[in-house]
Amino acid sequence: VYVRSHGKACVETVNIVRPVKIVGEANSVFTTSLTPVVPTIAAPSGAPCILINDGVKAVEFVNIVIDGSQSGRAACVQSTNADVAFVGST
């Protein structure tokens, strides 16, 4: 799955139920903005950013910013017995 940002974070808990690769793309070639914008997933207040079902293998995040500043006591990424990779992601 390729995602782009329009300058704002996606504020939602992303629920992953099967293997997936989520790749953040900088600006579209058609944009007039000179500043690259990296897609961001942000936690809703008191909730995780990403929730991965038990045992899901091969979940990759590439070039994505993950913002857990509002997750409170919840972990930003929650998973059990899953294979998760963050490549170029912060």
PDB file of N, CA and C in Angstrom:
ATOM      1  N   VAL A   1       0.851  -1.153   0.000  1.00  0.00           N
ATOM      2  CA  VAL A   1       0.000   0.000   0.000  1.00  0.00           C
ATOM      3  C   VAL A   1       0.905   1.227   0.000  1.00  0.00           C
ATOM      4  N   TYR A   2       0.710   2.128  -0.945  1.00  0.00           N
ATOM      5  CA  TYR A   2       1.470   3.374  -0.993  1.00  0.00           C
ATOM      6  C   TYR A   2       0.592   4.501  -0.471  1.00  0.00           C
ATOM      7  N   VAL A   3       1.148   5.326   0.412  1.00  0.00           N
ATOM      8  CA  VAL A   3       0.391   6.437   0.978  1.00  0.00           C
ATOM      9  C   VAL A   3       1.162   7.736   0.790  1.00  0.00           C
ATOM     10  N   ARG A   4       0.413   8.819   0.634  1.00  0.00           N
ATOM     11  CA  ARG A   4       0.988  10.165   0.535  1.00  0.00           C
ATOM     12  C   ARG A   4       0.326  11.052   1.561  1.00  0.00           C
ATOM     13  N   SER A   5       1.034  12.112   1.917  1.00  0.00           N
ATOM     14  CA  SER A   5       0.494  13.076   2.867  1.00  0.00           C
ATOM     15  C   SER A   5       0.152  14.365   2.145  1.00  0.00           C
ATOM     16  N   HIS A   6      -0.852  15.027   2.654  1.00  0.00           N
ATOM     17  CA  HIS A   6      -1.196  16.364   2.162  1.00  0.00           C
ATOM     18  C   HIS A   6      -0.921  17.377   3.256  1.00  0.00           C
ATOM     19  N   GLY A   7       0.074  17.074   4.093  1.00  0.00           N
ATOM     20  CA  GLY A   7       0.493  18.010   5.126  1.00  0.00           C
ATOM     21  C   GLY A   7      -0.062  17.743   6.508  1.00  0.00           C
ATOM     22  N   LYS A   8      -0.999  16.809   6.629  1.00  0.00           N
ATOM     23  CA  LYS A   8      -1.582  16.498   7.934  1.00  0.00           C
ATOM     24  C   LYS A   8      -1.398  15.016   8.228  1.00  0.00           C
ATOM     25  N   ALA A   9      -1.323  14.707   9.518  1.00  0.00           N
ATOM     26  CA  ALA A   9      -1.192  13.311   9.933  1.00  0.00           C
ATOM     27  C   ALA A   9      -2.528  12.590   9.822  1.00  0.00           C
ATOM     28  N   CYS A  10      -2.464  11.295   9.603  1.00  0.00           N
ATOM     29  CA  CYS A  10      -3.636  10.431   9.698  1.00  0.00           C
ATOM     30  C   CYS A  10      -3.779  10.093  11.177  1.00  0.00           C
ATOM     31  N   VAL A  11      -4.802  10.628  11.835  1.00  0.00           N
ATOM     32  CA  VAL A  11      -5.011  10.391  13.264  1.00  0.00           C
ATOM     33  C   VAL A  11      -6.041   9.276  13.392  1.00  0.00           C
ATOM     34  N   GLU A  12      -5.534   8.077  13.564  1.00  0.00           N
ATOM     35  CA  GLU A  12      -6.393   6.897  13.580  1.00  0.00           C
ATOM     36  C   GLU A  12      -5.569   5.715  14.059  1.00  0.00           C
ATOM     37  N   THR A  13      -6.197   4.760  14.701  1.00  0.00           N
ATOM     38  CA  THR A  13      -5.524   3.503  14.996  1.00  0.00           C
ATOM     39  C   THR A  13      -5.638   2.630  13.755  1.00  0.00           C
ATOM     40  N   VAL A  14      -4.494   2.271  13.188  1.00  0.00           N
ATOM     41  CA  VAL A  14      -4.466   1.416  12.003  1.00  0.00           C
ATOM     42  C   VAL A  14      -4.497  -0.031  12.490  1.00  0.00           C
ATOM     43  N   ASN A  15      -5.527  -0.767  12.102  1.00  0.00           N
ATOM     44  CA  ASN A  15      -5.700  -2.159  12.511  1.00  0.00           C
ATOM     45  C   ASN A  15      -5.241  -3.061  11.374  1.00  0.00           C
ATOM     46  N   ILE A  16      -4.213  -3.862  11.631  1.00  0.00           N
ATOM     47  CA  ILE A  16      -3.637  -4.724  10.596  1.00  0.00           C
ATOM     48  C   ILE A  16      -3.998  -6.167  10.912  1.00  0.00           C
ATOM     49  N   VAL A  17      -4.631  -6.841   9.943  1.00  0.00           N
ATOM     50  CA  VAL A  17      -5.104  -8.205  10.152  1.00  0.00           C
ATOM     51  C   VAL A  17      -4.404  -9.228   9.256  1.00  0.00           C
ATOM     52  N   ARG A  18      -3.575  -8.770   8.322  1.00  0.00           N
ATOM     53  CA  ARG A  18      -2.855  -9.683   7.427  1.00  0.00           C
ATOM     54  C   ARG A  18      -1.538  -9.043   7.017  1.00  0.00           C
ATOM     55  N   PRO A  19      -0.623  -9.810   6.432  1.00  0.00           N
ATOM     56  CA  PRO A  19       0.659  -9.241   6.010  1.00  0.00           C
ATOM     57  C   PRO A  19       0.451  -8.059   5.057  1.00  0.00           C
ATOM     58  N   VAL A  20       1.253  -7.011   5.256  1.00  0.00           N
ATOM     59  CA  VAL A  20       1.127  -5.816   4.424  1.00  0.00           C
ATOM     60  C   VAL A  20       2.435  -5.042   4.451  1.00  0.00           C
ATOM     61  N   LYS A  21       2.682  -4.315   3.392  1.00  0.00           N
ATOM     62  CA  LYS A  21       3.811  -3.384   3.327  1.00  0.00           C
ATOM     63  C   LYS A  21       3.211  -2.010   3.057  1.00  0.00           C
ATOM     64  N   ILE A  22       3.424  -1.080   3.983  1.00  0.00           N
ATOM     65  CA  ILE A  22       2.901   0.278   3.845  1.00  0.00           C
ATOM     66  C   ILE A  22       4.086   1.190   3.574  1.00  0.00           C
ATOM     67  N   VAL A  23       4.071   1.831   2.413  1.00  0.00           N
ATOM     68  CA  VAL A  23       5.191   2.653   1.967  1.00  0.00           C
ATOM     69  C   VAL A  23       4.740   4.104   1.866  1.00  0.00           C
ATOM     70  N   GLY A  24       5.455   4.976   2.559  1.00  0.00           N
ATOM     71  CA  GLY A  24       5.168   6.401   2.482  1.00  0.00           C
ATOM     72  C   GLY A  24       5.907   7.020   1.310  1.00  0.00           C
ATOM     73  N   GLU A  25       5.178   7.693   0.463  1.00  0.00           N
ATOM     74  CA  GLU A  25       5.784   8.409  -0.655  1.00  0.00           C
ATOM     75  C   GLU A  25       5.829   9.884  -0.311  1.00  0.00           C
ATOM     76  N   ALA A  26       6.921  10.524  -0.682  1.00  0.00           N
ATOM     77  CA  ALA A  26       7.002  11.977  -0.513  1.00  0.00           C
ATOM     78  C   ALA A  26       6.020  12.606  -1.500  1.00  0.00           C
ATOM     79  N   ASN A  27       6.212  13.845  -1.777  1.00  0.00           N
ATOM     80  CA  ASN A  27       5.280  14.575  -2.641  1.00  0.00           C
ATOM     81  C   ASN A  27       5.087  13.896  -3.992  1.00  0.00           C
ATOM     82  N   SER A  28       3.913  14.063  -4.533  1.00  0.00           N
ATOM     83  CA  SER A  28       3.614  13.615  -5.881  1.00  0.00           C
ATOM     84  C   SER A  28       4.447  14.424  -6.868  1.00  0.00           C
ATOM     85  N   VAL A  29       4.731  13.852  -8.006  1.00  0.00           N
ATOM     86  CA  VAL A  29       5.470  14.598  -9.028  1.00  0.00           C
ATOM     87  C   VAL A  29       4.653  15.782  -9.541  1.00  0.00           C
ATOM     88  N   PHE A  30       3.365  15.794  -9.273  1.00  0.00           N
ATOM     89  CA  PHE A  30       2.501  16.871  -9.743  1.00  0.00           C
ATOM     90  C   PHE A  30       2.332  17.996  -8.732  1.00  0.00           C
ATOM     91  N   THR A  31       2.916  17.857  -7.545  1.00  0.00           N
ATOM     92  CA  THR A  31       2.739  18.872  -6.517  1.00  0.00           C
ATOM     93  C   THR A  31       3.525  20.136  -6.844  1.00  0.00           C
ATOM     94  N   THR A  32       3.050  21.242  -6.332  1.00  0.00           N
ATOM     95  CA  THR A  32       3.770  22.506  -6.506  1.00  0.00           C
ATOM     96  C   THR A  32       4.602  22.839  -5.277  1.00  0.00           C
ATOM     97  N   SER A  33       4.475  22.029  -4.227  1.00  0.00           N
ATOM     98  CA  SER A  33       5.228  22.265  -2.998  1.00  0.00           C
ATOM     99  C   SER A  33       6.681  21.852  -3.176  1.00  0.00           C
ATOM    100  N   LEU A  34       7.580  22.676  -2.664  1.00  0.00           N
ATOM    101  CA  LEU A  34       8.998  22.361  -2.735  1.00  0.00           C
ATOM    102  C   LEU A  34       9.478  21.614  -1.500  1.00  0.00           C
ATOM    103  N   THR A  35       8.658  21.587  -0.463  1.00  0.00           N
ATOM    104  CA  THR A  35       9.026  20.927   0.782  1.00  0.00           C
ATOM    105  C   THR A  35       8.481  19.503   0.788  1.00  0.00           C
ATOM    106  N   PRO A  36       9.351  18.502   0.920  1.00  0.00           N
ATOM    107  CA  PRO A  36       8.838  17.134   0.970  1.00  0.00           C
ATOM    108  C   PRO A  36       8.036  16.890   2.244  1.00  0.00           C
ATOM    109  N   VAL A  37       6.951  16.177   2.115  1.00  0.00           N
ATOM    110  CA  VAL A  37       6.088  15.865   3.249  1.00  0.00           C
ATOM    111  C   VAL A  37       6.073  14.347   3.424  1.00  0.00           C
ATOM    112  N   VAL A  38       6.497  13.886   4.594  1.00  0.00           N
ATOM    113  CA  VAL A  38       6.513  12.453   4.874  1.00  0.00           C
ATOM    114  C   VAL A  38       5.187  12.060   5.520  1.00  0.00           C
ATOM    115  N   PRO A  39       4.526  11.025   5.012  1.00  0.00           N
ATOM    116  CA  PRO A  39       3.266  10.590   5.621  1.00  0.00           C
ATOM    117  C   PRO A  39       3.444  10.216   7.089  1.00  0.00           C
ATOM    118  N   THR A  40       2.446  10.592   7.905  1.00  0.00           N
ATOM    119  CA  THR A  40       2.499  10.366   9.347  1.00  0.00           C
ATOM    120  C   THR A  40       1.230   9.674   9.823  1.00  0.00           C
ATOM    121  N   ILE A  41       1.416   8.644  10.646  1.00  0.00           N
ATOM    122  CA  ILE A  41       0.301   7.997  11.337  1.00  0.00           C
ATOM    123  C   ILE A  41       0.399   8.436  12.791  1.00  0.00           C
ATOM    124  N   ALA A  42      -0.649   9.068  13.306  1.00  0.00           N
ATOM    125  CA  ALA A  42      -0.647   9.573  14.681  1.00  0.00           C
ATOM    126  C   ALA A  42      -1.729   8.870  15.491  1.00  0.00           C
ATOM    127  N   ALA A  43      -1.401   8.600  16.733  1.00  0.00           N
ATOM    128  CA  ALA A  43      -2.355   7.932  17.624  1.00  0.00           C
ATOM    129  C   ALA A  43      -3.462   8.886  18.042  1.00  0.00           C
ATOM    130  N   PRO A  44      -4.708   8.388  18.086  1.00  0.00           N
ATOM    131  CA  PRO A  44      -5.757   9.168  18.724  1.00  0.00           C
ATOM    132  C   PRO A  44      -5.475   9.231  20.223  1.00  0.00           C
ATOM    133  N   SER A  45      -6.085  10.131  20.914  1.00  0.00           N
ATOM    134  CA  SER A  45      -5.861  10.294  22.347  1.00  0.00           C
ATOM    135  C   SER A  45      -6.133   8.992  23.106  1.00  0.00           C
ATOM    136  N   GLY A  46      -5.099   8.504  23.807  1.00  0.00           N
ATOM    137  CA  GLY A  46      -5.236   7.320  24.644  1.00  0.00           C
ATOM    138  C   GLY A  46      -5.297   5.989  23.918  1.00  0.00           C
ATOM    139  N   ALA A  47      -5.007   5.986  22.629  1.00  0.00           N
ATOM    140  CA  ALA A  47      -5.099   4.750  21.840  1.00  0.00           C
ATOM    141  C   ALA A  47      -3.777   4.497  21.114  1.00  0.00           C
ATOM    142  N   PRO A  48      -3.552   3.271  20.647  1.00  0.00           N
ATOM    143  CA  PRO A  48      -2.324   2.999  19.906  1.00  0.00           C
ATOM    144  C   PRO A  48      -2.374   3.580  18.493  1.00  0.00           C
ATOM    145  N   CYS A  49      -1.197   3.775  17.904  1.00  0.00           N
ATOM    146  CA  CYS A  49      -1.110   4.190  16.493  1.00  0.00           C
ATOM    147  C   CYS A  49      -1.461   3.015  15.589  1.00  0.00           C
ATOM    148  N   ILE A  50      -0.877   1.861  15.936  1.00  0.00           N
ATOM    149  CA  ILE A  50      -0.995   0.678  15.093  1.00  0.00           C
ATOM    150  C   ILE A  50      -1.305  -0.521  15.976  1.00  0.00           C
ATOM    151  N   LEU A  51      -2.291  -1.299  15.577  1.00  0.00           N
ATOM    152  CA  LEU A  51      -2.682  -2.505  16.291  1.00  0.00           C
ATOM    153  C   LEU A  51      -2.589  -3.665  15.304  1.00  0.00           C
ATOM    154  N   ILE A  52      -1.674  -4.601  15.574  1.00  0.00           N
ATOM    155  CA  ILE A  52      -1.440  -5.724  14.671  1.00  0.00           C
ATOM    156  C   ILE A  52      -1.997  -6.988  15.321  1.00  0.00           C
ATOM    157  N   ASN A  53      -2.864  -7.695  14.600  1.00  0.00           N
ATOM    158  CA  ASN A  53      -3.472  -8.909  15.140  1.00  0.00           C
ATOM    159  C   ASN A  53      -2.415  -9.941  15.510  1.00  0.00           C
ATOM    160  N   ASP A  54      -2.737 -10.766  16.482  1.00  0.00           N
ATOM    161  CA  ASP A  54      -1.846 -11.812  16.965  1.00  0.00           C
ATOM    162  C   ASP A  54      -1.387 -12.717  15.822  1.00  0.00           C
ATOM    163  N   GLY A  55      -0.071 -12.901  15.718  1.00  0.00           N
ATOM    164  CA  GLY A  55       0.496 -13.853  14.773  1.00  0.00           C
ATOM    165  C   GLY A  55       0.641 -13.376  13.342  1.00  0.00           C
ATOM    166  N   VAL A  56       0.314 -12.138  13.040  1.00  0.00           N
ATOM    167  CA  VAL A  56       0.453 -11.648  11.666  1.00  0.00           C
ATOM    168  C   VAL A  56       1.942 -11.509  11.344  1.00  0.00           C
ATOM    169  N   LYS A  57       2.358 -12.099  10.247  1.00  0.00           N
ATOM    170  CA  LYS A  57       3.762 -12.069   9.835  1.00  0.00           C
ATOM    171  C   LYS A  57       3.934 -11.109   8.661  1.00  0.00           C
ATOM    172  N   ALA A  58       5.156 -10.607   8.496  1.00  0.00           N
ATOM    173  CA  ALA A  58       5.543  -9.786   7.342  1.00  0.00           C
ATOM    174  C   ALA A  58       4.763  -8.477   7.247  1.00  0.00           C
ATOM    175  N   VAL A  59       4.832  -7.680   8.307  1.00  0.00           N
ATOM    176  CA  VAL A  59       4.266  -6.332   8.293  1.00  0.00           C
ATOM    177  C   VAL A  59       5.436  -5.365   8.199  1.00  0.00           C
ATOM    178  N   GLU A  60       5.444  -4.536   7.154  1.00  0.00           N
ATOM    179  CA  GLU A  60       6.543  -3.591   6.941  1.00  0.00           C
ATOM    180  C   GLU A  60       6.012  -2.167   6.844  1.00  0.00           C
ATOM    181  N   PHE A  61       6.743  -1.244   7.470  1.00  0.00           N
ATOM    182  CA  PHE A  61       6.478   0.185   7.345  1.00  0.00           C
ATOM    183  C   PHE A  61       7.727   0.807   6.750  1.00  0.00           C
ATOM    184  N   VAL A  62       7.587   1.470   5.628  1.00  0.00           N
ATOM    185  CA  VAL A  62       8.729   2.062   4.939  1.00  0.00           C
ATOM    186  C   VAL A  62       8.479   3.560   4.767  1.00  0.00           C
ATOM    187  N   ASN A  63       9.415   4.370   5.251  1.00  0.00           N
ATOM    188  CA  ASN A  63       9.344   5.835   5.101  1.00  0.00           C
ATOM    189  C   ASN A  63       8.045   6.424   5.649  1.00  0.00           C
ATOM    190  N   ILE A  64       7.682   6.019   6.853  1.00  0.00           N
ATOM    191  CA  ILE A  64       6.480   6.508   7.531  1.00  0.00           C
ATOM    192  C   ILE A  64       6.902   7.079   8.882  1.00  0.00           C
ATOM    193  N   VAL A  65       6.326   8.207   9.261  1.00  0.00           N
ATOM    194  CA  VAL A  65       6.526   8.732  10.611  1.00  0.00           C
ATOM    195  C   VAL A  65       5.383   8.206  11.466  1.00  0.00           C
ATOM    196  N   ILE A  66       5.720   7.655  12.631  1.00  0.00           N
ATOM    197  CA  ILE A  66       4.709   7.140  13.545  1.00  0.00           C
ATOM    198  C   ILE A  66       4.767   7.988  14.808  1.00  0.00           C
ATOM    199  N   ASP A  67       3.675   8.705  15.076  1.00  0.00           N
ATOM    200  CA  ASP A  67       3.627   9.677  16.168  1.00  0.00           C
ATOM    201  C   ASP A  67       2.737   9.164  17.295  1.00  0.00           C
ATOM    202  N   GLY A  68       3.367   8.753  18.378  1.00  0.00           N
ATOM    203  CA  GLY A  68       2.617   8.244  19.521  1.00  0.00           C
ATOM    204  C   GLY A  68       2.476   9.244  20.645  1.00  0.00           C
ATOM    205  N   SER A  69       2.657  10.522  20.351  1.00  0.00           N
ATOM    206  CA  SER A  69       2.652  11.537  21.412  1.00  0.00           C
ATOM    207  C   SER A  69       1.306  11.664  22.129  1.00  0.00           C
ATOM    208  N   GLN A  70       0.217  11.241  21.501  1.00  0.00           N
ATOM    209  CA  GLN A  70      -1.101  11.326  22.131  1.00  0.00           C
ATOM    210  C   GLN A  70      -1.611   9.980  22.633  1.00  0.00           C
ATOM    211  N   SER A  71      -0.793   8.933  22.499  1.00  0.00           N
ATOM    212  CA  SER A  71      -1.270   7.589  22.852  1.00  0.00           C
ATOM    213  C   SER A  71      -1.386   7.360  24.354  1.00  0.00           C
ATOM    214  N   GLY A  72      -0.825   8.270  25.144  1.00  0.00           N
ATOM    215  CA  GLY A  72      -0.933   8.136  26.598  1.00  0.00           C
ATOM    216  C   GLY A  72      -0.238   6.891  27.091  1.00  0.00           C
ATOM    217  N   ARG A  73      -0.952   6.077  27.852  1.00  0.00           N
ATOM    218  CA  ARG A  73      -0.369   4.850  28.410  1.00  0.00           C
ATOM    219  C   ARG A  73      -0.391   3.692  27.422  1.00  0.00           C
ATOM    220  N   ALA A  74      -1.072   3.848  26.305  1.00  0.00           N
ATOM    221  CA  ALA A  74      -1.110   2.789  25.290  1.00  0.00           C
ATOM    222  C   ALA A  74       0.218   2.760  24.538  1.00  0.00           C
ATOM    223  N   ALA A  75       0.644   1.571  24.164  1.00  0.00           N
ATOM    224  CA  ALA A  75       1.842   1.461  23.331  1.00  0.00           C
ATOM    225  C   ALA A  75       1.526   2.029  21.958  1.00  0.00           C
ATOM    226  N   CYS A  76       2.497   2.640  21.327  1.00  0.00           N
ATOM    227  CA  CYS A  76       2.269   3.204  19.996  1.00  0.00           C
ATOM    228  C   CYS A  76       1.971   2.096  18.988  1.00  0.00           C
ATOM    229  N   VAL A  77       2.741   1.014  19.060  1.00  0.00           N
ATOM    230  CA  VAL A  77       2.522  -0.146  18.194  1.00  0.00           C
ATOM    231  C   VAL A  77       2.270  -1.346  19.103  1.00  0.00           C
ATOM    232  N   GLN A  78       1.123  -1.983  18.932  1.00  0.00           N
ATOM    233  CA  GLN A  78       0.791  -3.146  19.750  1.00  0.00           C
ATOM    234  C   GLN A  78       0.706  -4.383  18.869  1.00  0.00           C
ATOM    235  N   SER A  79       1.466  -5.407  19.249  1.00  0.00           N
ATOM    236  CA  SER A  79       1.414  -6.671  18.520  1.00  0.00           C
ATOM    237  C   SER A  79       1.886  -7.788  19.432  1.00  0.00           C
ATOM    238  N   THR A  80       1.456  -8.991  19.128  1.00  0.00           N
ATOM    239  CA  THR A  80       1.897 -10.175  19.848  1.00  0.00           C
ATOM    240  C   THR A  80       2.231 -11.242  18.823  1.00  0.00           C
ATOM    241  N   ASN A  81       3.434 -11.798  18.929  1.00  0.00           N
ATOM    242  CA  ASN A  81       3.841 -12.880  18.043  1.00  0.00           C
ATOM    243  C   ASN A  81       3.730 -12.476  16.574  1.00  0.00           C
ATOM    244  N   ALA A  82       4.090 -11.244  16.248  1.00  0.00           N
ATOM    245  CA  ALA A  82       4.034 -10.745  14.875  1.00  0.00           C
ATOM    246  C   ALA A  82       5.441 -10.391  14.411  1.00  0.00           C
ATOM    247  N   ASP A  83       5.660 -10.413  13.108  1.00  0.00           N
ATOM    248  CA  ASP A  83       6.926  -9.979  12.524  1.00  0.00           C
ATOM    249  C   ASP A  83       6.706  -8.600  11.919  1.00  0.00           C
ATOM    250  N   VAL A  84       7.349  -7.593  12.507  1.00  0.00           N
ATOM    251  CA  VAL A  84       7.154  -6.203  12.087  1.00  0.00           C
ATOM    252  C   VAL A  84       8.506  -5.578  11.802  1.00  0.00           C
ATOM    253  N   ALA A  85       8.608  -4.851  10.680  1.00  0.00           N
ATOM    254  CA  ALA A  85       9.850  -4.161  10.327  1.00  0.00           C
ATOM    255  C   ALA A  85       9.552  -2.697  10.033  1.00  0.00           C
ATOM    256  N   PHE A  86      10.438  -1.830  10.518  1.00  0.00           N
ATOM    257  CA  PHE A  86      10.355  -0.396  10.247  1.00  0.00           C
ATOM    258  C   PHE A  86      11.608  -0.026   9.465  1.00  0.00           C
ATOM    259  N   VAL A  87      11.439   0.410   8.230  1.00  0.00           N
ATOM    260  CA  VAL A  87      12.562   0.745   7.364  1.00  0.00           C
ATOM    261  C   VAL A  87      12.477   2.227   7.027  1.00  0.00           C
ATOM    262  N   GLY A  88      13.459   3.000   7.452  1.00  0.00           N
ATOM    263  CA  GLY A  88      13.440   4.435   7.186  1.00  0.00           C
ATOM    264  C   GLY A  88      12.272   5.129   7.852  1.00  0.00           C
ATOM    265  N   SER A  89      11.739   4.538   8.899  1.00  0.00           N
ATOM    266  CA  SER A  89      10.582   5.092   9.602  1.00  0.00           C
ATOM    267  C   SER A  89      11.010   5.563  10.976  1.00  0.00           C
ATOM    268  N   THR A  90      10.320   6.604  11.480  1.00  0.00           N
ATOM    269  CA  THR A  90      10.642   7.125  12.805  1.00  0.00           C
ATOM    270  C   THR A  90       9.394   7.186  13.653  1.00  0.00           C
TER     271      THR A  90
END
